[in-house]
Amino acid sequence: MAWLVRDGDVLASADIARRVRERTQGLLGRDTVTGVLVLRPCRQVHTFGMRFPIDVAFCDRDGTVLRTVTVAPWRVTRVVWRAGFVVEAAAGSFDRWHLQAGDTVEVKE
């Protein structure tokens, strides 16, 4: 089990998708997400076939959040070239956690 951490505070449990197949599958086929899904490496996401909107945080290799966006089903985000990984969560999660651009997150395994 892994955890998404900011400034020593655990924000959520984390699943990590490292393999191409895992990253391609992502959250497809799920009705909801508990915790977060980390896609590493990743610079762009889509929600084709998704059943619910998601919050997406594009992070650089050091974990600094470069950009956050809420993505509705059947959409594609812009490419964030400096992103090293992406954090996906249920829409509204980032507001509850006060996660925003400039924050630094860490995935602890």
Protein backbone atom coordinates (compact mmCIF):
# COMPACT_ATOMS: atom_id res chain seq x y z
CA MET A 1 0.00 0.00 0.00
CA ALA A 2 1.21 3.47 -0.85
CA TRP A 3 0.16 6.88 0.44
CA LEU A 4 -0.10 10.37 -1.05
CA VAL A 5 1.58 12.74 1.41
CA ARG A 6 1.90 16.54 1.55
CA ASP A 7 4.04 18.21 4.24
CA GLY A 8 3.97 15.04 6.35
CA ASP A 9 0.15 14.78 6.21
CA VAL A 10 -1.41 11.74 4.55
CA LEU A 11 -3.98 12.88 1.99
CA ALA A 12 -5.10 9.48 0.68
CA SER A 13 -4.16 5.90 -0.03
CA ALA A 14 -2.55 5.50 -3.44
CA ASP A 15 -2.46 2.89 -6.18
CA ILE A 16 0.48 3.28 -8.52
CA ALA A 17 0.25 2.47 -12.25
CA ARG A 18 3.76 2.04 -13.62
CA ARG A 19 3.30 -0.41 -16.47
CA VAL A 20 1.91 0.71 -19.82
CA ARG A 21 -1.11 -1.57 -19.46
CA GLU A 22 -1.88 -0.24 -15.97
CA ARG A 23 -1.56 3.37 -17.11
CA THR A 24 -3.70 2.72 -20.19
CA GLN A 25 -6.43 1.09 -18.08
CA GLY A 26 -6.29 3.80 -15.40
CA LEU A 27 -9.70 4.27 -13.81
CA LEU A 28 -11.66 2.83 -16.75
CA GLY A 29 -14.33 0.37 -15.73
CA ARG A 30 -14.60 1.70 -12.18
CA ASP A 31 -17.70 3.35 -10.78
CA THR A 32 -15.71 5.44 -8.31
CA VAL A 33 -12.21 5.86 -6.92
CA THR A 34 -11.21 5.67 -3.29
CA GLY A 35 -7.90 7.34 -2.60
CA VAL A 36 -5.84 8.24 -5.65
CA LEU A 37 -4.32 6.63 -8.70
CA VAL A 38 -0.78 7.71 -9.56
CA LEU A 39 0.26 7.35 -13.21
CA ARG A 40 4.02 7.33 -13.59
CA PRO A 41 5.26 8.51 -16.08
CA CYS A 42 2.41 10.61 -17.50
CA ARG A 43 1.95 14.01 -19.16
CA GLN A 44 -1.64 13.86 -20.41
CA VAL A 45 -4.83 12.00 -19.47
CA HIS A 46 -8.19 11.28 -21.05
CA THR A 47 -11.52 10.28 -19.59
CA PHE A 48 -12.94 8.41 -22.60
CA GLY A 49 -15.21 5.70 -21.24
CA MET A 50 -15.14 7.11 -17.70
CA ARG A 51 -18.34 7.15 -15.65
CA PHE A 52 -17.47 10.05 -13.35
CA PRO A 53 -15.42 13.28 -13.35
CA ILE A 54 -11.95 13.28 -11.80
CA ASP A 55 -9.47 15.72 -10.33
CA VAL A 56 -6.06 15.54 -11.98
CA ALA A 57 -2.79 16.96 -10.62
CA PHE A 58 0.19 17.13 -12.96
CA CYS A 59 3.40 16.93 -10.92
CA ASP A 60 7.05 17.32 -11.89
CA ARG A 61 9.60 14.64 -11.01
CA ASP A 62 10.17 16.21 -7.59
CA GLY A 63 6.45 16.13 -6.74
CA THR A 64 5.71 19.82 -7.19
CA VAL A 65 2.14 20.22 -8.44
CA LEU A 66 2.35 22.09 -11.75
CA ARG A 67 -1.34 22.20 -12.60
CA THR A 68 -4.66 20.87 -11.30
CA VAL A 69 -7.82 20.40 -13.31
CA THR A 70 -11.20 18.69 -12.97
CA VAL A 71 -11.96 16.59 -16.04
CA ALA A 72 -15.46 15.52 -17.06
CA PRO A 73 -16.06 12.15 -18.74
CA TRP A 74 -15.15 11.91 -22.43
CA ARG A 75 -12.53 14.68 -22.37
CA VAL A 76 -8.77 15.01 -22.96
CA THR A 77 -6.40 17.25 -21.01
CA ARG A 78 -3.69 19.36 -22.53
CA VAL A 79 -0.18 17.95 -22.44
CA VAL A 80 1.88 19.21 -19.49
CA TRP A 81 5.40 18.72 -20.84
CA ARG A 82 7.23 19.14 -17.51
CA ALA A 83 5.02 16.58 -15.73
CA GLY A 84 6.72 13.45 -14.45
CA PHE A 85 3.61 11.88 -12.99
CA VAL A 86 -0.10 12.46 -12.54
CA VAL A 87 -2.37 12.03 -9.53
CA GLU A 88 -6.03 11.20 -10.23
CA ALA A 89 -8.79 11.37 -7.60
CA ALA A 90 -12.56 11.69 -7.46
CA ALA A 91 -13.76 15.16 -8.43
CA GLY A 92 -13.87 17.45 -5.41
CA SER A 93 -11.04 15.67 -3.57
CA PHE A 94 -8.47 18.38 -4.26
CA ASP A 95 -10.81 21.05 -2.89
CA ARG A 96 -11.29 19.03 0.32
CA TRP A 97 -7.52 18.54 0.65
CA HIS A 98 -6.73 22.14 -0.41
CA LEU A 99 -4.31 20.70 -3.00
CA GLN A 100 -3.19 23.31 -5.53
CA ALA A 101 -0.41 24.25 -7.92
CA GLY A 102 2.82 24.91 -6.05
CA ASP A 103 2.21 22.25 -3.39
CA THR A 104 4.69 19.39 -3.13
CA VAL A 105 3.38 15.84 -2.82
CA GLU A 106 5.16 12.58 -2.25
CA VAL A 107 4.07 9.01 -2.89
CA LYS A 108 5.32 6.88 0.01
CA GLU A 109 5.34 3.12 -0.40
